C-alpha atoms as a PDB file:
ATOM      1  CA  MET A   1     -29.593  11.277-145.559  1.00  0.00           C
ATOM      2  CA  LYS A   2     -26.503  13.532-146.682  1.00  0.00           C
ATOM      3  CA  ALA A   3     -24.204  10.690-147.462  1.00  0.00           C
ATOM      4  CA  PHE A   4     -27.032   8.908-149.107  1.00  0.00           C
ATOM      5  CA  SER A   5     -27.853  12.026-151.140  1.00  0.00           C
ATOM      6  CA  GLN A   6     -24.239  12.184-152.277  1.00  0.00           C
ATOM      7  CA  MET A   7     -24.222   8.568-153.174  1.00  0.00           C
ATOM      8  CA  ILE A   8     -27.311   9.466-155.502  1.00  0.00           C
ATOM      9  CA  PHE A   9     -25.619  12.386-156.994  1.00  0.00           C
ATOM     10  CA  ILE A  10     -22.851  10.271-157.938  1.00  0.00           C
ATOM     11  CA  VAL A  11     -24.524   7.471-159.157  1.00  0.00           C
ATOM     12  CA  CYS A  12     -26.692  10.227-161.649  1.00  0.00           C
ATOM     13  CA  PHE A  13     -23.223  11.700-162.693  1.00  0.00           C
ATOM     14  CA  ILE A  14     -21.551   8.565-163.430  1.00  0.00           C
ATOM     15  CA  ASN A  15     -24.834   7.345-165.609  1.00  0.00           C
ATOM     16  CA  GLY A  16     -24.427  10.335-167.339  1.00  0.00           C
ATOM     17  CA  VAL A  17     -20.980  10.048-168.289  1.00  0.00           C
ATOM     18  CA  ILE A  18     -21.467   6.691-169.655  1.00  0.00           C
ATOM     19  CA  LEU A  19     -24.234   7.581-171.618  1.00  0.00           C
ATOM     20  CA  LEU A  20     -22.113  10.624-173.456  1.00  0.00           C
ATOM     21  CA  ALA A  21     -18.976   7.403-173.670  1.00  0.00           C
ATOM     22  CA  GLN A  22     -21.245   5.347-175.339  1.00  0.00           C
ATOM     23  CA  ASN A  23     -21.705   7.789-178.642  1.00  0.00           C
ATOM     24  CA  ASN A  24     -19.100   8.286-180.904  1.00  0.00           C
ATOM     25  CA  TYR A  25     -20.189  12.580-181.622  1.00  0.00           C
ATOM     26  CA  PRO A  26     -17.406  15.064-181.111  1.00  0.00           C
ATOM     27  CA  GLN A  27     -17.751  16.312-177.433  1.00  0.00           C
ATOM     28  CA  ASN A  28     -17.562  20.381-177.182  1.00  0.00           C
ATOM     29  CA  TYR A  29     -17.004  20.585-180.858  1.00  0.00           C
ATOM     30  CA  PHE A  30     -20.271  23.053-181.228  1.00  0.00           C
ATOM     31  CA  ARG A  31     -20.772  25.528-179.124  1.00  0.00           C
ATOM     32  CA  ASN A  32     -24.032  27.462-178.035  1.00  0.00           C
ATOM     33  CA  PRO A  33     -25.394  29.202-181.008  1.00  0.00           C
ATOM     34  CA  LEU A  34     -26.706  31.918-178.398  1.00  0.00           C
ATOM     35  CA  HIS A  35     -24.690  34.243-175.705  1.00  0.00           C
ATOM     36  CA  ILE A  36     -26.872  32.959-173.059  1.00  0.00           C
ATOM     37  CA  PRO A  37     -27.246  29.974-171.515  1.00  0.00           C
ATOM     38  CA  ILE A  38     -29.502  27.339-173.240  1.00  0.00           C
ATOM     39  CA  GLN A  39     -32.774  26.711-171.750  1.00  0.00           C
ATOM     40  CA  LEU A  40     -34.963  24.360-173.403  1.00  0.00           C
ATOM     41  CA  ALA A  41     -38.672  24.521-174.228  1.00  0.00           C
ATOM     42  CA  ALA A  42     -38.674  21.378-176.123  1.00  0.00           C
ATOM     43  CA  ASN A  43     -35.786  18.624-176.862  1.00  0.00           C
ATOM     44  CA  PHE A  44     -35.163  15.910-179.322  1.00  0.00           C
ATOM     45  CA  GLY A  45     -37.634  13.378-179.933  1.00  0.00           C
ATOM     46  CA  ALA A  46     -40.581  14.941-178.247  1.00  0.00           C
ATOM     47  CA  VAL A  47     -44.031  14.066-179.146  1.00  0.00           C
ATOM     48  CA  ARG A  48     -45.261  16.502-181.906  1.00  0.00           C
ATOM     49  CA  THR A  49     -48.617  16.039-184.205  1.00  0.00           C
ATOM     50  CA  ASN A  50     -47.469  13.612-186.811  1.00  0.00           C
ATOM     51  CA  HIS A  51     -43.936  13.793-186.044  1.00  0.00           C
ATOM     52  CA  PHE A  52     -41.222  13.731-183.874  1.00  0.00           C
ATOM     53  CA  HIS A  53     -39.633  16.988-182.725  1.00  0.00           C
ATOM     54  CA  MET A  54     -36.326  16.799-184.533  1.00  0.00           C
ATOM     55  CA  GLY A  55     -34.071  19.386-182.480  1.00  0.00           C
ATOM     56  CA  LEU A  56     -33.520  21.593-179.714  1.00  0.00           C
ATOM     57  CA  ASP A  57     -36.203  24.869-179.294  1.00  0.00           C
ATOM     58  CA  ILE A  58     -33.922  27.384-177.189  1.00  0.00           C
ATOM     59  CA  ARG A  59     -35.455  29.788-175.026  1.00  0.00           C
ATOM     60  CA  THR A  60     -34.740  33.155-175.910  1.00  0.00           C
ATOM     61  CA  ASN A  61     -36.973  34.549-172.788  1.00  0.00           C
ATOM     62  CA  SER A  62     -39.582  35.808-175.212  1.00  0.00           C
ATOM     63  CA  GLN A  63     -37.419  38.346-177.001  1.00  0.00           C
ATOM     64  CA  GLU A  64     -36.512  38.722-180.522  1.00  0.00           C
ATOM     65  CA  ASN A  65     -33.340  39.839-182.146  1.00  0.00           C
ATOM     66  CA  LEU A  66     -30.973  38.056-180.107  1.00  0.00           C
ATOM     67  CA  SER A  67     -27.577  37.159-181.598  1.00  0.00           C
ATOM     68  CA  VAL A  68     -27.275  33.950-183.338  1.00  0.00           C
ATOM     69  CA  VAL A  69     -23.666  32.607-183.846  1.00  0.00           C
ATOM     70  CA  ALA A  70     -22.222  29.639-185.988  1.00  0.00           C
ATOM     71  CA  ALA A  71     -21.773  26.482-184.063  1.00  0.00           C
ATOM     72  CA  ALA A  72     -18.705  25.727-185.422  1.00  0.00           C
ATOM     73  CA  ASP A  73     -16.292  26.730-188.579  1.00  0.00           C
ATOM     74  CA  GLY A  74     -17.985  26.074-191.777  1.00  0.00           C
ATOM     75  CA  TYR A  75     -19.879  27.601-194.781  1.00  0.00           C
ATOM     76  CA  VAL A  76     -23.514  28.303-195.299  1.00  0.00           C
ATOM     77  CA  SER A  77     -24.362  25.852-197.587  1.00  0.00           C
ATOM     78  CA  ARG A  78     -28.345  26.328-197.446  1.00  0.00           C
ATOM     79  CA  ILE A  79     -31.216  29.258-197.200  1.00  0.00           C
ATOM     80  CA  LYS A  80     -34.930  28.610-196.758  1.00  0.00           C
ATOM     81  CA  ILE A  81     -37.657  31.119-196.542  1.00  0.00           C
ATOM     82  CA  GLU A  82     -41.200  29.518-196.072  1.00  0.00           C
ATOM     83  CA  ARG A  83     -44.448  31.037-194.752  1.00  0.00           C
ATOM     84  CA  TYR A  84     -44.852  28.242-192.303  1.00  0.00           C
ATOM     85  CA  GLY A  85     -42.436  25.746-191.084  1.00  0.00           C
ATOM     86  CA  PHE A  86     -39.167  27.070-190.057  1.00  0.00           C
ATOM     87  CA  GLY A  87     -39.742  30.445-191.458  1.00  0.00           C
ATOM     88  CA  ASN A  88     -36.344  32.057-192.194  1.00  0.00           C
ATOM     89  CA  ALA A  89     -33.511  29.430-191.748  1.00  0.00           C
ATOM     90  CA  ILE A  90     -29.715  28.856-192.024  1.00  0.00           C
ATOM     91  CA  TYR A  91     -28.159  25.536-192.811  1.00  0.00           C
ATOM     92  CA  ILE A  92     -24.233  25.158-192.296  1.00  0.00           C
ATOM     93  CA  THR A  93     -22.222  22.737-193.137  1.00  0.00           C
ATOM     94  CA  HIS A  94     -19.040  21.515-191.266  1.00  0.00           C
ATOM     95  CA  PRO A  95     -16.302  19.749-192.428  1.00  0.00           C
ATOM     96  CA  ASN A  96     -16.637  17.154-189.444  1.00  0.00           C
ATOM     97  CA  GLY A  97     -19.402  15.591-191.377  1.00  0.00           C
ATOM     98  CA  TYR A  98     -22.530  17.563-189.870  1.00  0.00           C
ATOM     99  CA  THR A  99     -24.613  20.226-190.463  1.00  0.00           C
ATOM    100  CA  THR A 100     -26.463  22.755-188.141  1.00  0.00           C
ATOM    101  CA  VAL A 101     -30.071  24.504-188.702  1.00  0.00           C
ATOM    102  CA  TYR A 102     -30.853  27.447-187.215  1.00  0.00           C
ATOM    103  CA  ALA A 103     -34.534  28.510-187.742  1.00  0.00           C
ATOM    104  CA  HIS A 104     -37.416  30.823-187.189  1.00  0.00           C
ATOM    105  CA  LEU A 105     -34.875  33.634-187.649  1.00  0.00           C
ATOM    106  CA  ASN A 106     -35.805  37.459-188.039  1.00  0.00           C
ATOM    107  CA  SER A 107     -32.852  38.165-190.511  1.00  0.00           C
ATOM    108  CA  PHE A 108     -29.439  36.738-191.337  1.00  0.00           C
ATOM    109  CA  PHE A 109     -26.055  38.977-191.586  1.00  0.00           C
ATOM    110  CA  ASP A 110     -25.694  41.735-194.116  1.00  0.00           C
ATOM    111  CA  GLY A 111     -23.784  39.919-196.545  1.00  0.00           C
ATOM    112  CA  LEU A 112     -26.321  36.901-196.864  1.00  0.00           C
ATOM    113  CA  ASP A 113     -29.239  39.341-196.235  1.00  0.00           C
ATOM    114  CA  GLN A 114     -28.474  41.398-199.327  1.00  0.00           C
ATOM    115  CA  TYR A 115     -27.994  38.007-201.268  1.00  0.00           C
ATOM    116  CA  VAL A 116     -31.028  36.860-200.538  1.00  0.00           C
ATOM    117  CA  LYS A 117     -32.946  40.158-201.118  1.00  0.00           C
ATOM    118  CA  GLU A 118     -31.229  40.030-204.817  1.00  0.00           C
ATOM    119  CA  ARG A 119     -32.446  36.798-205.079  1.00  0.00           C
ATOM    120  CA  GLN A 120     -35.928  37.277-203.932  1.00  0.00           C
ATOM    121  CA  TYR A 121     -36.227  40.219-206.845  1.00  0.00           C
ATOM    122  CA  LYS A 122     -34.718  38.150-209.446  1.00  0.00           C
ATOM    123  CA  ASP A 123     -36.905  35.256-208.986  1.00  0.00           C
ATOM    124  CA  GLU A 124     -39.514  37.389-208.435  1.00  0.00           C
ATOM    125  CA  LYS A 125     -40.670  35.099-205.351  1.00  0.00           C
ATOM    126  CA  TRP A 126     -40.030  35.547-201.145  1.00  0.00           C
ATOM    127  CA  GLU A 127     -40.203  32.086-200.805  1.00  0.00           C
ATOM    128  CA  GLN A 128     -36.790  30.458-201.308  1.00  0.00           C
ATOM    129  CA  ASP A 129     -34.595  26.978-200.858  1.00  0.00           C
ATOM    130  CA  MET A 130     -31.360  28.413-202.085  1.00  0.00           C
ATOM    131  CA  VAL A 131     -28.018  26.042-202.084  1.00  0.00           C
ATOM    132  CA  LEU A 132     -24.777  27.633-201.804  1.00  0.00           C
ATOM    133  CA  SER A 133     -21.183  26.900-202.332  1.00  0.00           C
ATOM    134  CA  PRO A 134     -18.658  26.338-199.850  1.00  0.00           C
ATOM    135  CA  LYS A 135     -16.950  29.558-200.977  1.00  0.00           C
ATOM    136  CA  GLN A 136     -20.159  31.812-201.154  1.00  0.00           C
ATOM    137  CA  PHE A 137     -20.264  32.544-197.298  1.00  0.00           C
ATOM    138  CA  PRO A 138     -17.644  30.983-195.280  1.00  0.00           C
ATOM    139  CA  VAL A 139     -18.412  30.995-191.150  1.00  0.00           C
ATOM    140  CA  SER A 140     -15.925  31.140-188.420  1.00  0.00           C
ATOM    141  CA  LYS A 141     -16.826  29.576-185.047  1.00  0.00           C
ATOM    142  CA  GLY A 142     -18.776  32.002-183.027  1.00  0.00           C
ATOM    143  CA  GLN A 143     -19.555  34.539-185.922  1.00  0.00           C
ATOM    144  CA  LEU A 144     -22.787  36.333-186.140  1.00  0.00           C
ATOM    145  CA  ILE A 145     -25.293  34.892-188.587  1.00  0.00           C
ATOM    146  CA  ALA A 146     -28.547  35.984-187.711  1.00  0.00           C
ATOM    147  CA  LEU A 147     -31.283  37.399-185.071  1.00  0.00           C
ATOM    148  CA  SER A 148     -33.644  35.339-183.712  1.00  0.00           C
ATOM    149  CA  GLY A 149     -37.254  35.624-184.054  1.00  0.00           C
ATOM    150  CA  ASN A 150     -40.415  34.164-184.265  1.00  0.00           C
ATOM    151  CA  THR A 151     -40.879  32.989-188.181  1.00  0.00           C
ATOM    152  CA  GLY A 152     -42.459  30.584-189.904  1.00  0.00           C
ATOM    153  CA  GLY A 153     -44.978  27.709-187.789  1.00  0.00           C
ATOM    154  CA  SER A 154     -43.577  29.293-184.465  1.00  0.00           C
ATOM    155  CA  ALA A 155     -45.899  29.787-181.618  1.00  0.00           C
ATOM    156  CA  GLY A 156     -43.422  32.411-179.553  1.00  0.00           C
ATOM    157  CA  PRO A 157     -39.736  33.697-179.827  1.00  0.00           C
ATOM    158  CA  HIS A 158     -37.452  30.887-179.857  1.00  0.00           C
ATOM    159  CA  LEU A 159     -34.497  29.519-181.625  1.00  0.00           C
ATOM    160  CA  HIS A 160     -34.737  25.556-183.236  1.00  0.00           C
ATOM    161  CA  PHE A 161     -31.581  24.288-183.854  1.00  0.00           C
ATOM    162  CA  GLU A 162     -30.325  20.830-185.070  1.00  0.00           C
ATOM    163  CA  ILE A 163     -27.380  18.952-185.790  1.00  0.00           C
ATOM    164  CA  ARG A 164     -27.704  16.732-189.030  1.00  0.00           C
ATOM    165  CA  ASP A 165     -25.645  13.968-190.280  1.00  0.00           C
ATOM    166  CA  THR A 166     -24.483  15.959-193.689  1.00  0.00           C
ATOM    167  CA  LYS A 167     -24.315  12.653-196.036  1.00  0.00           C
ATOM    168  CA  THR A 168     -27.658  10.626-194.652  1.00  0.00           C
ATOM    169  CA  GLU A 169     -29.898  14.146-193.332  1.00  0.00           C
ATOM    170  CA  GLU A 170     -30.840  11.971-190.300  1.00  0.00           C
ATOM    171  CA  CYS A 171     -31.250  14.546-187.514  1.00  0.00           C
ATOM    172  CA  ILE A 172     -29.195  13.697-184.122  1.00  0.00           C
ATOM    173  CA  ASN A 173     -29.915  14.579-180.833  1.00  0.00           C
ATOM    174  CA  PRO A 174     -27.790  17.888-180.119  1.00  0.00           C
ATOM    175  CA  LEU A 175     -27.677  17.350-176.442  1.00  0.00           C
ATOM    176  CA  LEU A 176     -25.076  13.833-177.057  1.00  0.00           C
ATOM    177  CA  PHE A 177     -22.671  16.634-178.461  1.00  0.00           C
ATOM    178  CA  GLY A 178     -22.093  17.895-174.813  1.00  0.00           C
ATOM    179  CA  PHE A 179     -24.105  21.334-174.859  1.00  0.00           C
ATOM    180  CA  ASP A 180     -24.362  22.344-171.106  1.00  0.00           C
ATOM    181  CA  VAL A 181     -27.738  21.751-170.190  1.00  0.00           C
ATOM    182  CA  PRO A 182     -27.868  21.525-166.591  1.00  0.00           C
ATOM    183  CA  ASP A 183     -30.456  18.724-165.590  1.00  0.00           C
ATOM    184  CA  ARG A 184     -31.056  16.684-162.183  1.00  0.00           C
ATOM    185  CA  ILE A 185     -34.456  16.185-162.396  1.00  0.00           C
ATOM    186  CA  SER A 186     -35.509  12.367-163.067  1.00  0.00           C
ATOM    187  CA  PRO A 187     -38.643  11.551-165.611  1.00  0.00           C
ATOM    188  CA  ILE A 188     -41.743  12.043-164.245  1.00  0.00           C
ATOM    189  CA  ILE A 189     -44.351   9.353-164.872  1.00  0.00           C
ATOM    190  CA  SER A 190     -47.794  10.098-164.270  1.00  0.00           C
ATOM    191  CA  GLY A 191     -49.585   6.930-165.576  1.00  0.00           C
ATOM    192  CA  MET A 192     -49.356   3.031-167.017  1.00  0.00           C
ATOM    193  CA  TYR A 193     -51.741   1.513-169.386  1.00  0.00           C
ATOM    194  CA  TRP A 194     -52.050  -2.374-170.809  1.00  0.00           C
ATOM    195  CA  TYR A 195     -53.657  -3.195-173.946  1.00  0.00           C
ATOM    196  CA  ASP A 196     -55.024  -6.328-175.241  1.00  0.00           C
ATOM    197  CA  ARG A 197     -53.157  -7.378-178.241  1.00  0.00           C
ATOM    198  CA  ARG A 198     -55.432 -10.084-179.562  1.00  0.00           C
ATOM    199  CA  PHE A 199     -56.949  -7.265-180.916  1.00  0.00           C
ATOM    200  CA  SER A 200     -55.413  -3.752-182.495  1.00  0.00           C
ATOM    201  CA  THR A 201     -54.374  -1.199-179.943  1.00  0.00           C
ATOM    202  CA  TYR A 202     -57.464   0.927-181.069  1.00  0.00           C
ATOM    203  CA  GLU A 203     -60.053  -1.351-180.290  1.00  0.00           C
ATOM    204  CA  PRO A 204     -60.810  -1.977-177.373  1.00  0.00           C
ATOM    205  CA  GLY A 205     -58.010   0.579-176.624  1.00  0.00           C
ATOM    206  CA  ALA A 206     -55.887   1.548-173.458  1.00  0.00           C
ATOM    207  CA  ASN A 207     -56.928   0.312-170.049  1.00  0.00           C
ATOM    208  CA  GLY A 208     -55.701   2.672-167.355  1.00  0.00           C
ATOM    209  CA  ILE A 209     -53.571   1.596-164.189  1.00  0.00           C
ATOM    210  CA  THR A 210     -53.129   4.412-161.295  1.00  0.00           C
ATOM    211  CA  VAL A 211     -49.598   4.843-160.408  1.00  0.00           C
ATOM    212  CA  LYS A 212     -48.737   6.275-157.407  1.00  0.00           C
ATOM    213  CA  LYS A 213     -44.850   7.420-156.239  1.00  0.00           C
ATOM    214  CA  VAL A 214     -43.393   5.697-152.853  1.00  0.00           C
ATOM    215  CA  GLY A 215     -40.168   7.275-151.754  1.00  0.00           C
ATOM    216  CA  ASN A 216     -37.882   7.362-155.035  1.00  0.00           C
ATOM    217  CA  MET A 217     -39.929   4.902-156.932  1.00  0.00           C
ATOM    218  CA  TYR A 218     -43.259   4.677-158.771  1.00  0.00           C
ATOM    219  CA  THR A 219     -45.541   1.289-158.489  1.00  0.00           C
ATOM    220  CA  THR A 220     -48.919   0.345-158.643  1.00  0.00           C
ATOM    221  CA  ASN A 221     -51.212  -2.151-157.348  1.00  0.00           C
ATOM    222  CA  LEU A 222     -51.243  -5.947-158.508  1.00  0.00           C
ATOM    223  CA  ILE A 223     -51.903  -5.403-162.524  1.00  0.00           C
ATOM    224  CA  GLN A 224     -54.791  -8.340-162.971  1.00  0.00           C
ATOM    225  CA  ILE A 225     -55.065  -8.695-166.653  1.00  0.00           C
ATOM    226  CA  SER A 226     -58.047 -10.792-168.425  1.00  0.00           C
ATOM    227  CA  SER A 227     -56.439 -11.472-171.631  1.00  0.00           C
ATOM    228  CA  PRO A 228     -53.375 -13.768-172.406  1.00  0.00           C
ATOM    229  CA  THR A 229     -51.617 -11.540-174.849  1.00  0.00           C
ATOM    230  CA  ILE A 230     -50.976  -8.103-173.884  1.00  0.00           C
ATOM    231  CA  SER A 231     -48.703  -4.804-174.159  1.00  0.00           C
ATOM    232  CA  PHE A 232     -47.683  -1.698-172.318  1.00  0.00           C
ATOM    233  CA  GLY A 233     -47.768   1.948-172.758  1.00  0.00           C
ATOM    234  CA  ILE A 234     -46.237   4.910-170.260  1.00  0.00           C
ATOM    235  CA  LYS A 235     -47.163   8.355-169.753  1.00  0.00           C
ATOM    236  CA  ALA A 236     -44.370  10.389-168.849  1.00  0.00           C
ATOM    237  CA  ILE A 237     -42.474  13.809-169.215  1.00  0.00           C
ATOM    238  CA  ASP A 238     -38.977  14.906-168.669  1.00  0.00           C
ATOM    239  CA  LYS A 239     -38.225  18.070-167.252  1.00  0.00           C
ATOM    240  CA  ALA A 240     -34.949  19.949-167.432  1.00  0.00           C
ATOM    241  CA  ASN A 241     -33.718  22.291-164.847  1.00  0.00           C
ATOM    242  CA  GLN A 242     -35.810  24.936-166.326  1.00  0.00           C
ATOM    243  CA  GLY A 243     -39.184  23.446-165.500  1.00  0.00           C
ATOM    244  CA  PHE A 244     -40.501  22.810-169.198  1.00  0.00           C
ATOM    245  CA  ASN A 245     -42.154  19.514-170.189  1.00  0.00           C
ATOM    246  CA  LEU A 246     -39.542  17.617-172.088  1.00  0.00           C
ATOM    247  CA  GLY A 247     -39.929  14.097-174.423  1.00  0.00           C
ATOM    248  CA  ILE A 248     -38.706  11.102-173.001  1.00  0.00           C
ATOM    249  CA  TYR A 249     -35.430   9.928-174.421  1.00  0.00           C
ATOM    250  CA  GLU A 250     -34.922   6.458-173.227  1.00  0.00           C
ATOM    251  CA  ALA A 251     -37.323   3.790-172.017  1.00  0.00           C
ATOM    252  CA  LYS A 252     -36.975   0.144-171.264  1.00  0.00           C
ATOM    253  CA  LEU A 253     -39.604  -2.487-170.161  1.00  0.00           C
ATOM    254  CA  PHE A 254     -38.354  -5.650-168.299  1.00  0.00           C
ATOM    255  CA  MET A 255     -40.509  -8.633-167.131  1.00  0.00           C
ATOM    256  CA  ASP A 256     -38.907 -11.058-164.102  1.00  0.00           C
ATOM    257  CA  GLY A 257     -35.568  -9.399-165.108  1.00  0.00           C
ATOM    258  CA  GLN A 258     -35.871 -10.137-168.975  1.00  0.00           C
ATOM    259  CA  LEU A 259     -35.830  -6.885-171.529  1.00  0.00           C
ATOM    260  CA  LYS A 260     -38.805  -7.259-173.414  1.00  0.00           C
ATOM    261  CA  TYR A 261     -38.734  -4.194-175.008  1.00  0.00           C
ATOM    262  CA  GLY A 262     -37.095  -0.327-175.247  1.00  0.00           C
ATOM    263  CA  PHE A 263     -36.768   2.789-177.135  1.00  0.00           C
ATOM    264  CA  LYS A 264     -33.880   5.315-177.053  1.00  0.00           C
ATOM    265  CA  ILE A 265     -34.197   8.614-179.433  1.00  0.00           C
ATOM    266  CA  ASP A 266     -30.751   9.261-180.730  1.00  0.00           C
ATOM    267  CA  LYS A 267     -31.484  10.202-184.024  1.00  0.00           C
ATOM    268  CA  VAL A 268     -34.638  10.153-186.672  1.00  0.00           C
ATOM    269  CA  SER A 269     -34.639  10.627-190.364  1.00  0.00           C
ATOM    270  CA  TYR A 270     -37.244  13.100-192.027  1.00  0.00           C
ATOM    271  CA  GLU A 271     -38.326  10.070-194.322  1.00  0.00           C
ATOM    272  CA  ASP A 272     -39.103   8.159-190.722  1.00  0.00           C
ATOM    273  CA  ILE A 273     -40.884  10.702-188.682  1.00  0.00           C
ATOM    274  CA  ARG A 274     -44.474   9.197-189.854  1.00  0.00           C
ATOM    275  CA  TYR A 275     -43.655   6.247-187.629  1.00  0.00           C
ATOM    276  CA  LEU A 276     -44.359   8.750-184.684  1.00  0.00           C
ATOM    277  CA  ASN A 277     -47.734   7.498-184.882  1.00  0.00           C
ATOM    278  CA  GLY A 278     -46.868   4.109-184.213  1.00  0.00           C
ATOM    279  CA  CYS A 279     -45.040   4.820-181.363  1.00  0.00           C
ATOM    280  CA  ILE A 280     -47.597   6.485-179.467  1.00  0.00           C
ATOM    281  CA  ASP A 281     -51.391   5.764-178.373  1.00  0.00           C
ATOM    282  CA  TYR A 282     -52.971   7.540-181.299  1.00  0.00           C
ATOM    283  CA  THR A 283     -56.797   7.463-179.937  1.00  0.00           C
ATOM    284  CA  LYS A 284     -55.846   9.023-176.914  1.00  0.00           C
ATOM    285  CA  PHE A 285     -53.061  12.104-178.801  1.00  0.00           C
ATOM    286  CA  VAL A 286     -56.126  12.677-180.860  1.00  0.00           C
ATOM    287  CA  GLN A 287     -58.998  12.545-178.587  1.00  0.00           C
ATOM    288  CA  ASP A 288     -57.598  13.358-175.379  1.00  0.00           C
ATOM    289  CA  LYS A 289     -54.372  15.637-176.428  1.00  0.00           C
ATOM    290  CA  MET A 290     -52.761  12.677-173.931  1.00  0.00           C
ATOM    291  CA  SER A 291     -49.289  11.456-175.008  1.00  0.00           C
ATOM    292  CA  ILE A 292     -49.116   7.648-174.157  1.00  0.00           C
ATOM    293  CA  GLN A 293     -45.991   6.286-175.592  1.00  0.00           C
ATOM    294  CA  HIS A 294     -46.300   1.923-176.437  1.00  0.00           C
ATOM    295  CA  LEU A 295     -43.670   0.341-175.138  1.00  0.00           C
ATOM    296  CA  SER A 296     -44.237  -2.355-177.743  1.00  0.00           C
ATOM    297  CA  THR A 297     -43.748  -2.768-181.690  1.00  0.00           C
ATOM    298  CA  LEU A 298     -46.950  -2.218-183.915  1.00  0.00           C
ATOM    299  CA  PRO A 299     -47.425  -3.820-187.110  1.00  0.00           C
ATOM    300  CA  GLY A 300     -45.586  -2.206-189.777  1.00  0.00           C
ATOM    301  CA  MET A 301     -43.502  -0.170-187.594  1.00  0.00           C
ATOM    302  CA  LYS A 302     -40.103   0.256-189.338  1.00  0.00           C
ATOM    303  CA  LEU A 303     -38.568   3.305-187.218  1.00  0.00           C
ATOM    304  CA  GLU A 304     -34.682   2.558-187.460  1.00  0.00           C
ATOM    305  CA  HIS A 305     -32.492   3.038-184.496  1.00  0.00           C
ATOM    306  CA  TYR A 306     -35.459   3.552-182.194  1.00  0.00           C
ATOM    307  CA  SER A 307     -36.151   0.477-180.096  1.00  0.00           C
ATOM    308  CA  THR A 308     -34.181  -2.526-178.683  1.00  0.00           C
ATOM    309  CA  GLY A 309     -35.140  -5.959-177.136  1.00  0.00           C
ATOM    310  CA  SER A 310     -38.080  -7.925-178.288  1.00  0.00           C
ATOM    311  CA  ASP A 311     -41.495  -6.476-179.976  1.00  0.00           C
ATOM    312  CA  GLY A 312     -42.810  -6.539-176.391  1.00  0.00           C
ATOM    313  CA  ILE A 313     -45.740  -8.076-176.589  1.00  0.00           C
ATOM    314  CA  ILE A 314     -46.538 -10.226-173.494  1.00  0.00           C
ATOM    315  CA  ASN A 315     -47.660 -14.058-173.772  1.00  0.00           C
ATOM    316  CA  PHE A 316     -48.599 -15.273-170.403  1.00  0.00           C
ATOM    317  CA  GLN A 317     -47.984 -19.069-170.354  1.00  0.00           C
ATOM    318  CA  ASP A 318     -49.561 -19.492-166.117  1.00  0.00           C
ATOM    319  CA  ASN A 319     -51.623 -17.533-163.761  1.00  0.00           C
ATOM    320  CA  GLU A 320     -48.631 -16.639-161.726  1.00  0.00           C
ATOM    321  CA  ILE A 321     -47.609 -13.376-160.609  1.00  0.00           C
ATOM    322  CA  HIS A 322     -44.560 -11.649-162.932  1.00  0.00           C
ATOM    323  CA  ASN A 323     -42.615  -8.597-161.834  1.00  0.00           C
ATOM    324  CA  ILE A 324     -42.633  -5.760-164.251  1.00  0.00           C
ATOM    325  CA  GLU A 325     -40.146  -2.780-164.268  1.00  0.00           C
ATOM    326  CA  ILE A 326     -39.935   0.099-166.289  1.00  0.00           C
ATOM    327  CA  VAL A 327     -36.782   2.346-166.515  1.00  0.00           C
ATOM    328  CA  LEU A 328     -36.813   5.447-167.998  1.00  0.00           C
ATOM    329  CA  THR A 329     -33.673   7.476-168.526  1.00  0.00           C
ATOM    330  CA  ASP A 330     -33.132  11.181-169.728  1.00  0.00           C
ATOM    331  CA  VAL A 331     -29.827  12.360-171.770  1.00  0.00           C
ATOM    332  CA  ASN A 332     -27.743  13.575-168.686  1.00  0.00           C
ATOM    333  CA  GLY A 333     -28.544   9.633-167.073  1.00  0.00           C
ATOM    334  CA  ASN A 334     -31.354  10.861-164.726  1.00  0.00           C
ATOM    335  CA  THR A 335     -33.504   7.730-164.214  1.00  0.00           C
ATOM    336  CA  SER A 336     -36.993   6.748-163.005  1.00  0.00           C
ATOM    337  CA  ARG A 337     -38.321   3.251-162.230  1.00  0.00           C
ATOM    338  CA  LEU A 338     -41.522   1.999-162.061  1.00  0.00           C
ATOM    339  CA  VAL A 339     -41.681  -1.139-159.874  1.00  0.00           C
ATOM    340  CA  THR A 340     -44.985  -3.627-159.939  1.00  0.00           C
ATOM    341  CA  LYS A 341     -46.196  -7.024-160.542  1.00  0.00           C
ATOM    342  CA  VAL A 342     -48.707  -8.535-163.096  1.00  0.00           C
ATOM    343  CA  GLN A 343     -50.667 -11.605-163.252  1.00  0.00           C
ATOM    344  CA  PHE A 344     -53.294 -13.355-165.907  1.00  0.00           C
ATOM    345  CA  THR A 345     -56.530 -14.327-164.451  1.00  0.00           C
ATOM    346  CA  LYS A 346     -58.880 -16.106-166.789  1.00  0.00           C
ATOM    347  CA  ILE A 347     -62.226 -15.035-166.281  1.00  0.00           C
ATOM    348  CA  LEU A 348     -64.862 -17.736-165.818  1.00  0.00           C
ATOM    349  CA  PHE A 349     -68.493 -16.973-166.950  1.00  0.00           C
ATOM    350  CA  LYS A 350     -71.254 -19.000-164.518  1.00  0.00           C
ATOM    351  CA  PHE A 351     -74.358 -20.012-167.118  1.00  0.00           C
END
């Protein structure tokens, strides 16, 4: 058993290294923006109302006014102050082509705080969206830039942290940049659903399938389907070592060993976040507060950098039993598998 556990650890470690090696993002260029270890209350790509979560929510242990520091050398390029949303936020542009964002802050460092107040008095307006030049407020890696808080649309003290492509303003998953966030916990699958794709996914809606865990794998009873055209959905969460419920990073659906559909949330543009509602069972989300992610492409879906494989629609050509496998992977390479079988069974009506 000990040898088996060691083997599993090695496989997970290798998977994590492979995942990081597959991206071209600089590793360890950015430092932790706080002086405490990173513990996540929410991760990149987590499902929210009408949008994906676009960064990391870093816990501040229910405290405010913790020191927030620049993740790397650069300059303060933008300051945003709003009643809702980010509250008080700092944007720092870096010479490597990325911009970091720090939100829900209580206050800024002295020189910047004074500049903001003077601008507010001059404009006679509290809410601000200021664009600054590179020479106004240069910062060094690790320099104090603000104090954490609970401003804007925050439900509790924390730091919202983003990394964006400076040119395109696409938000990129910060965990792809090598931050130290320990995680040896695989995603947890709690539900599986099928949809009759002869119709809209909203009507007649989801058909639930009971999922059970057997050993290190998830499974179901034989799934017998009365429609020749279907798709699947999955209800699952991820957990880092701290135990908070996080969103799913990557999912793949295979039928008889062939990739039918997959998604991976590496980066998302603010222009595309409205497509979130096409990635989930929107009816279940609104009515039951349940997050079921589609393992198929809905009509009109144009979210870039999200889906792989085909459209996930399964068209049965026979009444044979087919193998289904769903693989969920987090950004550290921890993997969960659901293995089951599906069969199309024609319903004969007697008159």
